[in-house]
Protein backbone atom coordinates (compact mmCIF):
# COMPACT_ATOMS: atom_id res chain seq x y z
CA UNK A 1 94.57 116.03 75.37
CA UNK A 2 94.12 113.18 72.97
CA UNK A 3 95.79 110.36 74.86
CA UNK A 4 96.85 109.51 78.39
CA UNK A 5 99.33 106.77 79.27
CA UNK A 6 100.28 105.53 82.74
CA UNK A 7 103.62 103.89 83.53
CA UNK A 8 105.96 103.19 86.44
CA UNK A 9 109.46 104.71 86.48
CA UNK A 10 112.53 104.55 88.70
CA UNK A 11 114.56 107.74 89.05
CA UNK A 12 118.15 107.34 90.25
CA UNK A 13 119.67 110.05 92.44
CA UNK A 14 123.38 109.80 93.33
CA UNK A 15 122.72 110.63 97.01
CA UNK A 16 119.29 109.13 97.64
CA UNK A 17 119.35 106.09 95.36
CA UNK A 18 116.31 104.75 93.53
CA UNK A 19 113.05 106.71 93.69
CA UNK A 20 110.01 104.79 92.42
CA UNK A 21 107.32 107.00 90.88
CA UNK A 22 104.21 106.68 88.77
CA UNK A 23 104.39 108.48 85.43
CA UNK A 24 101.45 109.83 83.45
CA UNK A 25 102.07 111.06 79.93
CA UNK A 26 99.53 113.45 78.45
CA UNK A 27 99.84 114.09 74.70
CA UNK A 28 98.44 116.83 72.49
CA UNK A 29 96.10 115.70 69.75
CA UNK A 30 98.85 115.70 67.10
CA UNK A 31 101.33 114.15 69.61
CA UNK A 32 103.83 116.95 69.00
CA UNK A 33 104.02 117.70 72.74
CA UNK A 34 103.81 115.65 75.90
CA UNK A 35 103.44 116.54 79.56
CA UNK A 36 104.94 114.04 82.00
CA UNK A 37 103.54 114.00 85.54
CA UNK A 38 105.66 112.09 88.08
CA UNK A 39 104.10 111.26 91.46
CA UNK A 40 105.06 109.17 94.45
CA UNK A 41 102.62 107.23 96.58
CA UNK A 42 101.52 109.19 99.67
CA UNK A 43 103.53 108.47 102.84
CA UNK A 44 105.96 106.28 100.89
CA UNK A 45 109.74 106.17 100.99
CA UNK A 46 109.72 107.67 97.49
CA UNK A 47 107.65 110.65 98.67
CA UNK A 48 110.13 111.28 101.50
CA UNK A 49 113.05 111.14 99.05
CA UNK A 50 111.36 113.65 96.76
CA UNK A 51 110.87 115.98 99.74
CA UNK A 52 114.58 115.60 100.56
CA UNK A 53 115.47 116.56 96.98
CA UNK A 54 113.76 119.88 97.56
CA UNK A 55 116.00 120.49 100.57
CA UNK A 56 119.37 119.26 99.34
CA UNK A 57 118.99 120.58 95.79
CA UNK A 58 122.38 120.81 94.14
CA UNK A 59 124.40 121.37 97.31
CA UNK A 60 127.53 119.29 97.79
CA UNK A 61 128.35 117.82 101.18
CA UNK A 62 132.01 117.04 100.54
CA UNK A 63 134.97 119.38 100.61
CA UNK A 64 136.60 119.88 97.16
CA UNK A 65 140.19 118.64 96.94
């Protein structure tokens, strides 16, 4: 990895709202590829929302009309 950048991002989920995460971008030497690593602070509201995403997935909780 040639370069590492750190940033703060806000993901928006239609059911859970805003999820604040830290974002690390790792680039290959020629910058043709990047790996983004998104993490939430331990024991934070964002971490709990990410855990909920693993449970609710793509399920819908309303009855189709």
